[in-house]
C-alpha atoms as a PDB file:
ATOM      1  CA  MET A   1      18.214 -19.679  46.407  1.00  0.00           C
ATOM      2  CA  SER A   2      20.909 -21.746  44.626  1.00  0.00           C
ATOM      3  CA  ALA A   3      20.865 -25.359  44.726  1.00  0.00           C
ATOM      4  CA  ASP A   4      24.255 -25.117  46.826  1.00  0.00           C
ATOM      5  CA  ALA A   5      22.796 -22.773  49.417  1.00  0.00           C
ATOM      6  CA  VAL A   6      19.861 -25.044  50.163  1.00  0.00           C
ATOM      7  CA  SER A   7      22.337 -27.957  50.185  1.00  0.00           C
ATOM      8  CA  LEU A   8      24.080 -26.089  53.247  1.00  0.00           C
ATOM      9  CA  LEU A   9      20.793 -24.768  54.958  1.00  0.00           C
ATOM     10  CA  ASN A  10      19.438 -28.351  55.092  1.00  0.00           C
ATOM     11  CA  PRO A  11      22.037 -30.873  56.558  1.00  0.00           C
ATOM     12  CA  THR A  12      19.515 -33.827  55.610  1.00  0.00           C
ATOM     13  CA  LEU A  13      19.682 -33.070  51.706  1.00  0.00           C
ATOM     14  CA  ARG A  14      22.792 -34.701  50.107  1.00  0.00           C
ATOM     15  CA  ALA A  15      25.855 -32.779  49.442  1.00  0.00           C
ATOM     16  CA  ASP A  16      25.261 -33.330  45.672  1.00  0.00           C
ATOM     17  CA  ALA A  17      21.906 -32.457  45.431  1.00  0.00           C
ATOM     18  CA  CYS A  18      21.025 -30.595  42.250  1.00  0.00           C
ATOM     19  CA  ALA A  19      18.197 -29.993  39.708  1.00  0.00           C
ATOM     20  CA  ASN A  20      18.069 -33.835  38.832  1.00  0.00           C
ATOM     21  CA  ALA A  21      17.300 -34.814  42.412  1.00  0.00           C
ATOM     22  CA  PRO A  22      13.374 -35.833  42.948  1.00  0.00           C
ATOM     23  CA  VAL A  23      10.725 -34.011  44.343  1.00  0.00           C
ATOM     24  CA  GLY A  24       9.360 -35.786  47.459  1.00  0.00           C
ATOM     25  CA  ILE A  25       5.270 -36.343  47.660  1.00  0.00           C
ATOM     26  CA  PHE A  26       3.672 -37.562  50.742  1.00  0.00           C
ATOM     27  CA  ASP A  27       0.174 -38.225  51.841  1.00  0.00           C
ATOM     28  CA  SER A  28      -1.590 -40.564  54.561  1.00  0.00           C
ATOM     29  CA  GLY A  29      -2.500 -42.930  51.674  1.00  0.00           C
ATOM     30  CA  LEU A  30      -3.540 -42.941  48.287  1.00  0.00           C
ATOM     31  CA  GLY A  31      -5.329 -39.406  47.658  1.00  0.00           C
ATOM     32  CA  GLY A  32      -1.938 -37.659  47.330  1.00  0.00           C
ATOM     33  CA  LEU A  33      -1.882 -39.375  44.001  1.00  0.00           C
ATOM     34  CA  SER A  34      -4.214 -36.871  42.880  1.00  0.00           C
ATOM     35  CA  MET A  35      -1.475 -34.441  43.218  1.00  0.00           C
ATOM     36  CA  LEU A  36       1.061 -36.622  41.662  1.00  0.00           C
ATOM     37  CA  ARG A  37      -0.778 -36.628  38.756  1.00  0.00           C
ATOM     38  CA  ALA A  38      -1.041 -32.790  38.433  1.00  0.00           C
ATOM     39  CA  VAL A  39       2.423 -32.444  39.111  1.00  0.00           C
ATOM     40  CA  ARG A  40       3.728 -34.940  36.395  1.00  0.00           C
ATOM     41  CA  ALA A  41       1.432 -32.836  33.938  1.00  0.00           C
ATOM     42  CA  VAL A  42       2.840 -29.764  34.802  1.00  0.00           C
ATOM     43  CA  LEU A  43       6.470 -30.717  35.493  1.00  0.00           C
ATOM     44  CA  PRO A  44       6.749 -33.577  33.449  1.00  0.00           C
ATOM     45  CA  ARG A  45      10.832 -33.375  33.528  1.00  0.00           C
ATOM     46  CA  GLU A  46      10.741 -33.948  37.446  1.00  0.00           C
ATOM     47  CA  ARG A  47      11.640 -37.071  39.161  1.00  0.00           C
ATOM     48  CA  LEU A  48       9.238 -37.982  41.649  1.00  0.00           C
ATOM     49  CA  ILE A  49       9.066 -40.103  44.970  1.00  0.00           C
ATOM     50  CA  TYR A  50       5.535 -40.819  46.471  1.00  0.00           C
ATOM     51  CA  VAL A  51       4.961 -42.149  50.164  1.00  0.00           C
ATOM     52  CA  ALA A  52       1.723 -43.313  51.057  1.00  0.00           C
ATOM     53  CA  ASP A  53       1.591 -43.653  54.773  1.00  0.00           C
ATOM     54  CA  SER A  54      -1.179 -46.638  54.358  1.00  0.00           C
ATOM     55  CA  LEU A  55      -0.136 -48.250  57.342  1.00  0.00           C
ATOM     56  CA  TYR A  56      -1.894 -45.476  59.302  1.00  0.00           C
ATOM     57  CA  ALA A  57      -4.511 -44.100  57.012  1.00  0.00           C
ATOM     58  CA  PRO A  58      -6.641 -42.298  57.339  1.00  0.00           C
ATOM     59  CA  TYR A  59      -5.226 -39.355  59.285  1.00  0.00           C
ATOM     60  CA  GLY A  60      -8.355 -37.520  59.184  1.00  0.00           C
ATOM     61  CA  GLU A  61      -9.256 -39.422  62.630  1.00  0.00           C
ATOM     62  CA  LYS A  62      -6.329 -39.392  64.216  1.00  0.00           C
ATOM     63  CA  ASP A  63      -5.120 -36.869  67.149  1.00  0.00           C
ATOM     64  CA  ASP A  64      -2.816 -33.933  66.491  1.00  0.00           C
ATOM     65  CA  ASP A  65       0.212 -35.200  68.265  1.00  0.00           C
ATOM     66  CA  PHE A  66       0.097 -38.475  66.143  1.00  0.00           C
ATOM     67  CA  ILE A  67      -0.303 -36.865  62.823  1.00  0.00           C
ATOM     68  CA  VAL A  68       2.769 -34.412  63.068  1.00  0.00           C
ATOM     69  CA  ASP A  69       4.888 -37.261  64.372  1.00  0.00           C
ATOM     70  CA  ARG A  70       4.190 -38.975  61.134  1.00  0.00           C
ATOM     71  CA  THR A  71       4.766 -35.922  58.911  1.00  0.00           C
ATOM     72  CA  VAL A  72       7.875 -35.202  60.316  1.00  0.00           C
ATOM     73  CA  ALA A  73       9.136 -38.868  60.397  1.00  0.00           C
ATOM     74  CA  ILE A  74       8.146 -38.923  56.450  1.00  0.00           C
ATOM     75  CA  CYS A  75       9.380 -35.816  55.332  1.00  0.00           C
ATOM     76  CA  GLY A  76      12.456 -36.579  56.885  1.00  0.00           C
ATOM     77  CA  TRP A  77      12.944 -39.922  55.221  1.00  0.00           C
ATOM     78  CA  LEU A  78      12.324 -38.088  52.061  1.00  0.00           C
ATOM     79  CA  ALA A  79      14.746 -35.496  52.508  1.00  0.00           C
ATOM     80  CA  ALA A  80      17.206 -38.267  53.321  1.00  0.00           C
ATOM     81  CA  GLN A  81      16.343 -39.814  49.969  1.00  0.00           C
ATOM     82  CA  GLY A  82      17.722 -36.805  48.508  1.00  0.00           C
ATOM     83  CA  ALA A  83      14.512 -34.903  47.800  1.00  0.00           C
ATOM     84  CA  LYS A  84      15.079 -31.442  46.754  1.00  0.00           C
ATOM     85  CA  ALA A  85      11.555 -30.255  47.574  1.00  0.00           C
ATOM     86  CA  LEU A  86       8.603 -31.586  49.421  1.00  0.00           C
ATOM     87  CA  VAL A  87       5.224 -31.583  48.661  1.00  0.00           C
ATOM     88  CA  VAL A  88       2.475 -32.298  51.734  1.00  0.00           C
ATOM     89  CA  ALA A  89      -0.443 -33.716  49.640  1.00  0.00           C
ATOM     90  CA  CYS A  90      -2.508 -34.261  52.629  1.00  0.00           C
ATOM     91  CA  ASN A  91      -4.815 -31.522  53.603  1.00  0.00           C
ATOM     92  CA  THR A  92      -4.850 -32.965  57.341  1.00  0.00           C
ATOM     93  CA  ALA A  93      -1.035 -33.335  57.656  1.00  0.00           C
ATOM     94  CA  THR A  94      -0.773 -29.685  56.248  1.00  0.00           C
ATOM     95  CA  ALA A  95      -3.143 -28.207  58.656  1.00  0.00           C
ATOM     96  CA  GLN A  96      -1.282 -30.014  61.780  1.00  0.00           C
ATOM     97  CA  SER A  97       1.961 -30.088  60.838  1.00  0.00           C
ATOM     98  CA  ILE A  98       3.294 -27.809  58.113  1.00  0.00           C
ATOM     99  CA  ALA A  99       4.611 -25.280  60.378  1.00  0.00           C
ATOM    100  CA  ARG A 100       6.760 -28.209  62.149  1.00  0.00           C
ATOM    101  CA  VAL A 101       7.984 -29.353  58.939  1.00  0.00           C
ATOM    102  CA  ARG A 102       9.298 -25.974  57.912  1.00  0.00           C
ATOM    103  CA  GLU A 103      11.213 -25.492  60.827  1.00  0.00           C
ATOM    104  CA  LEU A 104      13.009 -28.542  60.235  1.00  0.00           C
ATOM    105  CA  HIS A 105      13.911 -28.565  56.347  1.00  0.00           C
ATOM    106  CA  ALA A 106      15.191 -25.797  54.669  1.00  0.00           C
ATOM    107  CA  ILE A 107      14.325 -27.061  51.133  1.00  0.00           C
ATOM    108  CA  PRO A 108      11.149 -25.812  48.964  1.00  0.00           C
ATOM    109  CA  LEU A 109       8.178 -27.118  50.798  1.00  0.00           C
ATOM    110  CA  VAL A 110       4.569 -26.701  49.607  1.00  0.00           C
ATOM    111  CA  GLY A 111       1.549 -27.866  51.623  1.00  0.00           C
ATOM    112  CA  VAL A 112      -2.145 -28.207  50.388  1.00  0.00           C
ATOM    113  CA  GLU A 113      -5.304 -26.495  52.139  1.00  0.00           C
ATOM    114  CA  PRO A 114      -9.142 -26.273  50.745  1.00  0.00           C
ATOM    115  CA  GLY A 115      -9.761 -23.718  48.010  1.00  0.00           C
ATOM    116  CA  VAL A 116     -11.896 -21.784  50.226  1.00  0.00           C
ATOM    117  CA  LYS A 117     -10.507 -18.428  48.505  1.00  0.00           C
ATOM    118  CA  PRO A 118     -11.204 -19.687  45.210  1.00  0.00           C
ATOM    119  CA  ALA A 119     -14.746 -20.906  45.780  1.00  0.00           C
ATOM    120  CA  ALA A 120     -15.545 -17.836  47.406  1.00  0.00           C
ATOM    121  CA  THR A 121     -14.631 -15.760  44.065  1.00  0.00           C
ATOM    122  CA  ILE A 122     -16.525 -17.916  41.750  1.00  0.00           C
ATOM    123  CA  SER A 123     -19.618 -18.741  43.668  1.00  0.00           C
ATOM    124  CA  ARG A 124     -22.716 -16.878  42.354  1.00  0.00           C
ATOM    125  CA  SER A 125     -25.205 -18.124  44.736  1.00  0.00           C
ATOM    126  CA  ARG A 126     -22.981 -17.432  47.525  1.00  0.00           C
ATOM    127  CA  VAL A 127     -23.455 -20.770  49.084  1.00  0.00           C
ATOM    128  CA  VAL A 128     -20.576 -23.009  49.198  1.00  0.00           C
ATOM    129  CA  GLY A 129     -20.078 -26.705  50.483  1.00  0.00           C
ATOM    130  CA  VAL A 130     -16.712 -27.795  51.685  1.00  0.00           C
ATOM    131  CA  LEU A 131     -16.098 -31.563  52.080  1.00  0.00           C
ATOM    132  CA  ALA A 132     -12.853 -32.762  54.092  1.00  0.00           C
ATOM    133  CA  THR A 133     -11.821 -34.438  56.957  1.00  0.00           C
ATOM    134  CA  GLN A 134     -12.972 -33.836  60.481  1.00  0.00           C
ATOM    135  CA  VAL A 135      -9.310 -32.876  61.552  1.00  0.00           C
ATOM    136  CA  THR A 136      -9.076 -30.384  58.626  1.00  0.00           C
ATOM    137  CA  LEU A 137     -12.470 -28.788  59.652  1.00  0.00           C
ATOM    138  CA  ARG A 138     -11.858 -28.180  63.206  1.00  0.00           C
ATOM    139  CA  SER A 139      -7.813 -26.663  62.375  1.00  0.00           C
ATOM    140  CA  ALA A 140      -6.916 -23.348  63.415  1.00  0.00           C
ATOM    141  CA  ARG A 141      -5.674 -22.918  60.021  1.00  0.00           C
ATOM    142  CA  PHE A 142      -8.793 -23.989  58.051  1.00  0.00           C
ATOM    143  CA  GLN A 143     -10.841 -21.695  60.631  1.00  0.00           C
ATOM    144  CA  THR A 144      -8.274 -18.897  59.752  1.00  0.00           C
ATOM    145  CA  LEU A 145      -8.731 -19.582  55.993  1.00  0.00           C
ATOM    146  CA  LEU A 146     -12.826 -19.085  56.366  1.00  0.00           C
ATOM    147  CA  ASP A 147     -12.608 -15.795  58.525  1.00  0.00           C
ATOM    148  CA  ARG A 148     -10.109 -14.500  55.685  1.00  0.00           C
ATOM    149  CA  HIS A 149     -12.142 -15.322  52.319  1.00  0.00           C
ATOM    150  CA  ALA A 150     -15.452 -15.992  53.222  1.00  0.00           C
ATOM    151  CA  SER A 151     -16.823 -12.867  55.274  1.00  0.00           C
ATOM    152  CA  ASP A 152     -19.783 -12.919  52.183  1.00  0.00           C
ATOM    153  CA  CYS A 153     -19.987 -16.473  51.648  1.00  0.00           C
ATOM    154  CA  HIS A 154     -22.008 -19.112  53.614  1.00  0.00           C
ATOM    155  CA  PHE A 155     -20.065 -22.233  53.719  1.00  0.00           C
ATOM    156  CA  LEU A 156     -21.529 -25.598  54.685  1.00  0.00           C
ATOM    157  CA  CYS A 157     -18.624 -27.763  56.132  1.00  0.00           C
ATOM    158  CA  GLN A 158     -19.316 -31.711  55.984  1.00  0.00           C
ATOM    159  CA  PRO A 159     -16.830 -34.224  57.452  1.00  0.00           C
ATOM    160  CA  GLY A 160     -16.222 -36.874  54.682  1.00  0.00           C
ATOM    161  CA  HIS A 161     -16.537 -39.818  56.994  1.00  0.00           C
ATOM    162  CA  GLY A 162     -15.997 -42.921  55.027  1.00  0.00           C
ATOM    163  CA  LEU A 163     -14.877 -41.439  51.942  1.00  0.00           C
ATOM    164  CA  VAL A 164     -11.125 -41.793  52.199  1.00  0.00           C
ATOM    165  CA  GLN A 165     -11.507 -45.554  53.441  1.00  0.00           C
ATOM    166  CA  ALA A 166     -13.490 -46.257  50.102  1.00  0.00           C
ATOM    167  CA  VAL A 167     -10.918 -44.800  47.958  1.00  0.00           C
ATOM    168  CA  GLU A 168      -8.215 -46.602  49.774  1.00  0.00           C
ATOM    169  CA  ARG A 169      -9.929 -49.549  48.934  1.00  0.00           C
ATOM    170  CA  CYS A 170     -10.205 -48.340  45.279  1.00  0.00           C
ATOM    171  CA  ASP A 171     -14.191 -47.803  45.447  1.00  0.00           C
ATOM    172  CA  THR A 172     -15.310 -44.855  43.540  1.00  0.00           C
ATOM    173  CA  SER A 173     -18.377 -46.297  42.319  1.00  0.00           C
ATOM    174  CA  SER A 174     -20.433 -48.657  44.216  1.00  0.00           C
ATOM    175  CA  SER A 175     -23.507 -48.399  45.580  1.00  0.00           C
ATOM    176  CA  GLN A 176     -22.647 -48.082  49.053  1.00  0.00           C
ATOM    177  CA  LEU A 177     -20.198 -45.212  48.322  1.00  0.00           C
ATOM    178  CA  MET A 178     -22.692 -43.533  45.744  1.00  0.00           C
ATOM    179  CA  ALA A 179     -25.331 -43.608  48.803  1.00  0.00           C
ATOM    180  CA  LEU A 180     -22.699 -42.194  51.364  1.00  0.00           C
ATOM    181  CA  LEU A 181     -21.735 -39.262  49.227  1.00  0.00           C
ATOM    182  CA  GLU A 182     -25.338 -38.631  48.259  1.00  0.00           C
ATOM    183  CA  SER A 183     -26.055 -38.377  52.218  1.00  0.00           C
ATOM    184  CA  TYR A 184     -23.268 -35.484  52.245  1.00  0.00           C
ATOM    185  CA  LEU A 185     -24.036 -33.608  48.862  1.00  0.00           C
ATOM    186  CA  ALA A 186     -27.900 -33.437  49.283  1.00  0.00           C
ATOM    187  CA  PRO A 187     -28.260 -31.078  51.940  1.00  0.00           C
ATOM    188  CA  MET A 188     -25.532 -28.763  50.324  1.00  0.00           C
ATOM    189  CA  LEU A 189     -27.543 -29.080  47.086  1.00  0.00           C
ATOM    190  CA  ASP A 190     -30.973 -28.129  48.952  1.00  0.00           C
ATOM    191  CA  ALA A 191     -29.251 -25.013  50.862  1.00  0.00           C
ATOM    192  CA  GLY A 192     -28.632 -23.844  47.591  1.00  0.00           C
ATOM    193  CA  ALA A 193     -24.855 -24.320  47.140  1.00  0.00           C
ATOM    194  CA  ASP A 194     -23.396 -23.913  43.752  1.00  0.00           C
ATOM    195  CA  THR A 195     -19.734 -24.795  44.316  1.00  0.00           C
ATOM    196  CA  LEU A 196     -18.237 -27.489  46.378  1.00  0.00           C
ATOM    197  CA  VAL A 197     -14.377 -27.489  47.818  1.00  0.00           C
ATOM    198  CA  LEU A 198     -12.462 -30.700  47.771  1.00  0.00           C
ATOM    199  CA  GLY A 199     -10.873 -30.290  50.780  1.00  0.00           C
ATOM    200  CA  CYS A 200      -8.925 -33.742  50.916  1.00  0.00           C
ATOM    201  CA  THR A 201      -6.610 -35.091  48.079  1.00  0.00           C
ATOM    202  CA  HIS A 202      -8.522 -38.361  48.117  1.00  0.00           C
ATOM    203  CA  TYR A 203     -11.924 -36.608  46.837  1.00  0.00           C
ATOM    204  CA  PRO A 204     -11.033 -35.560  43.056  1.00  0.00           C
ATOM    205  CA  PHE A 205     -11.042 -39.516  42.320  1.00  0.00           C
ATOM    206  CA  LEU A 206     -14.719 -38.846  43.265  1.00  0.00           C
ATOM    207  CA  ASP A 207     -15.204 -36.360  40.675  1.00  0.00           C
ATOM    208  CA  ARG A 208     -17.387 -38.643  38.245  1.00  0.00           C
ATOM    209  CA  ALA A 209     -19.263 -39.815  41.054  1.00  0.00           C
ATOM    210  CA  ILE A 210     -20.011 -36.543  42.527  1.00  0.00           C
ATOM    211  CA  ARG A 211     -21.014 -35.594  38.688  1.00  0.00           C
ATOM    212  CA  ASP A 212     -23.664 -38.587  38.682  1.00  0.00           C
ATOM    213  CA  ILE A 213     -25.082 -36.982  41.810  1.00  0.00           C
ATOM    214  CA  ALA A 214     -25.023 -33.386  41.286  1.00  0.00           C
ATOM    215  CA  GLY A 215     -24.737 -33.070  37.600  1.00  0.00           C
ATOM    216  CA  GLU A 216     -23.796 -29.598  36.551  1.00  0.00           C
ATOM    217  CA  ARG A 217     -25.357 -27.908  39.358  1.00  0.00           C
ATOM    218  CA  LEU A 218     -21.835 -27.529  41.537  1.00  0.00           C
ATOM    219  CA  GLN A 219     -18.504 -26.221  40.416  1.00  0.00           C
ATOM    220  CA  ILE A 220     -15.991 -28.360  41.826  1.00  0.00           C
ATOM    221  CA  VAL A 221     -13.023 -26.597  43.451  1.00  0.00           C
ATOM    222  CA  ASP A 222      -9.687 -28.788  43.136  1.00  0.00           C
ATOM    223  CA  THR A 223      -6.525 -27.071  44.079  1.00  0.00           C
ATOM    224  CA  SER A 224      -4.091 -29.674  42.955  1.00  0.00           C
ATOM    225  CA  VAL A 225      -3.058 -27.628  39.807  1.00  0.00           C
ATOM    226  CA  ALA A 226      -2.327 -24.415  41.708  1.00  0.00           C
ATOM    227  CA  ILE A 227      -0.521 -26.330  44.258  1.00  0.00           C
ATOM    228  CA  ALA A 228       1.620 -28.005  41.052  1.00  0.00           C
ATOM    229  CA  ARG A 229       2.105 -24.627  39.993  1.00  0.00           C
ATOM    230  CA  GLN A 230       3.332 -23.353  43.413  1.00  0.00           C
ATOM    231  CA  LEU A 231       5.639 -25.916  43.234  1.00  0.00           C
ATOM    232  CA  GLU A 232       6.780 -25.090  39.859  1.00  0.00           C
ATOM    233  CA  ARG A 233       7.510 -21.218  41.048  1.00  0.00           C
ATOM    234  CA  LEU A 234       9.393 -22.389  44.000  1.00  0.00           C
ATOM    235  CA  LEU A 235      12.040 -24.975  42.018  1.00  0.00           C
ATOM    236  CA  GLU A 236      12.255 -22.147  39.253  1.00  0.00           C
ATOM    237  CA  ALA A 237      13.057 -19.473  42.114  1.00  0.00           C
ATOM    238  CA  GLY A 238      15.672 -21.834  43.853  1.00  0.00           C
ATOM    239  CA  GLY A 239      17.461 -22.893  40.642  1.00  0.00           C
ATOM    240  CA  LEU A 240      16.193 -26.340  41.090  1.00  0.00           C
ATOM    241  CA  GLN A 241      14.239 -27.179  38.055  1.00  0.00           C
ATOM    242  CA  ASN A 242      14.976 -30.135  35.910  1.00  0.00           C
ATOM    243  CA  ASP A 243      15.560 -29.323  32.768  1.00  0.00           C
ATOM    244  CA  ALA A 244      16.770 -32.508  30.971  1.00  0.00           C
ATOM    245  CA  SER A 245      14.191 -33.716  28.477  1.00  0.00           C
ATOM    246  CA  PRO A 246      11.405 -35.868  29.653  1.00  0.00           C
ATOM    247  CA  ASP A 247      11.669 -39.467  29.453  1.00  0.00           C
ATOM    248  CA  PRO A 248       8.323 -41.071  28.504  1.00  0.00           C
ATOM    249  CA  ALA A 249       9.131 -44.520  30.301  1.00  0.00           C
ATOM    250  CA  ALA A 250      10.442 -42.633  33.390  1.00  0.00           C
ATOM    251  CA  MET A 251       8.033 -43.713  36.385  1.00  0.00           C
ATOM    252  CA  PRO A 252       7.519 -42.009  39.544  1.00  0.00           C
ATOM    253  CA  ARG A 253       9.169 -44.279  42.514  1.00  0.00           C
ATOM    254  CA  PHE A 254       6.335 -45.403  44.491  1.00  0.00           C
ATOM    255  CA  CYS A 255       6.523 -46.536  48.101  1.00  0.00           C
ATOM    256  CA  SER A 256       4.150 -47.523  50.927  1.00  0.00           C
ATOM    257  CA  THR A 257       4.205 -48.090  54.616  1.00  0.00           C
ATOM    258  CA  ALA A 258       1.642 -51.359  53.992  1.00  0.00           C
ATOM    259  CA  ASP A 259       0.723 -53.668  51.423  1.00  0.00           C
ATOM    260  CA  GLY A 260       1.494 -51.625  48.240  1.00  0.00           C
ATOM    261  CA  GLY A 261      -1.205 -53.478  46.486  1.00  0.00           C
ATOM    262  CA  PRO A 262      -3.954 -50.799  46.103  1.00  0.00           C
ATOM    263  CA  GLN A 263      -1.857 -48.211  45.623  1.00  0.00           C
ATOM    264  CA  ARG A 264      -0.532 -50.067  42.418  1.00  0.00           C
ATOM    265  CA  GLN A 265      -4.223 -50.923  41.429  1.00  0.00           C
ATOM    266  CA  LEU A 266      -5.408 -47.398  42.082  1.00  0.00           C
ATOM    267  CA  ALA A 267      -2.335 -45.806  40.253  1.00  0.00           C
ATOM    268  CA  ALA A 268      -2.986 -48.208  37.338  1.00  0.00           C
ATOM    269  CA  SER A 269      -6.843 -47.629  36.946  1.00  0.00           C
ATOM    270  CA  LEU A 270      -6.740 -43.908  37.328  1.00  0.00           C
ATOM    271  CA  LEU A 271      -3.515 -42.632  36.194  1.00  0.00           C
ATOM    272  CA  GLN A 272      -2.543 -45.306  34.074  1.00  0.00           C
ATOM    273  CA  LEU A 273       0.947 -46.158  36.091  1.00  0.00           C
ATOM    274  CA  ASP A 274       1.582 -49.452  36.025  1.00  0.00           C
ATOM    275  CA  THR A 275       4.696 -49.874  38.671  1.00  0.00           C
ATOM    276  CA  PRO A 276       5.956 -51.608  41.482  1.00  0.00           C
ATOM    277  CA  VAL A 277       5.534 -50.150  45.016  1.00  0.00           C
ATOM    278  CA  GLU A 278       8.194 -50.491  47.415  1.00  0.00           C
ATOM    279  CA  HIS A 279       7.401 -51.376  50.914  1.00  0.00           C
ATOM    280  CA  VAL A 280       9.323 -48.793  53.098  1.00  0.00           C
ATOM    281  CA  VAL A 281       9.256 -48.673  57.059  1.00  0.00           C
ATOM    282  CA  ILE A 282       9.328 -45.139  58.712  1.00  0.00           C
ATOM    283  CA  PRO A 283       9.415 -45.131  62.335  1.00  0.00           C
ATOM    284  CA  SER A 284       8.267 -41.997  63.837  1.00  0.00           C
ATOM    285  CA  PRO A 285      10.477 -39.723  66.162  1.00  0.00           C
ATOM    286  CA  HIS A 286       9.207 -41.295  69.474  1.00  0.00           C
ATOM    287  CA  GLU A 287       9.788 -44.751  67.895  1.00  0.00           C
ATOM    288  CA  ARG A 288      13.389 -44.329  67.148  1.00  0.00           C
ATOM    289  CA  SER A 289      14.175 -42.435  70.573  1.00  0.00           C
ATOM    290  CA  GLY A 290      12.461 -45.542  72.278  1.00  0.00           C
ATOM    291  CA  THR A 291       9.990 -43.144  74.284  1.00  0.00           C
END
């Protein structure tokens, strides 16, 4: 599909949309920075806008309607900024909202989901741990994923209560965090798991902590690079890839619905990106309508 065709199909996309338009990346908070890291590595020429809905993070314990409302609102805001493609870099938002966003926006859209299929492929013990939010684990989308790819695997699904909040406050190594993480991983290791699926985009920032606890006993499945490759394929198919020479000084545009301090701190410490964070107000649809 050409850029002109995409623009005609989607009235929320600016008429002058072209290959130089940005890619919008959205997460409930800071976890999607792991996806932004992968996108920058795979697609270094692309301009990026990242929105953290930190005012309402985490999504993992919110009700389904709330998650859909926030996802629709932020994807609409990104489209209004001229985004040529959207990455919903949140497993919880993808599980509950991706179908609705596809109905509203004709531009390329990529969601994320836990790497059940690759985990089932590489596990030798046929016991796989899954660390994800409660909402992701209970979603019909995740259950379908298990049914489709895990017929000969035993999956141990563990809600990662407290882990998102730890990353949101830039805690990836405190004694309290390590104790919490070990309480989740120890039963998996005791049951013979040899593979761990990171089912939340916040969790790749805990990779070192997981290694400190499990050593080499767990293969870690993080789908961020695979998602970045899928985005690359969609942009290429639509004639939307930015072919300009990458600018080493160019920074993503960082936005937050809350105080951007933790976002700037995490981006600087884990991604070596020190850039201001804009505060943005993005009301949900029912707030705009007054209902």
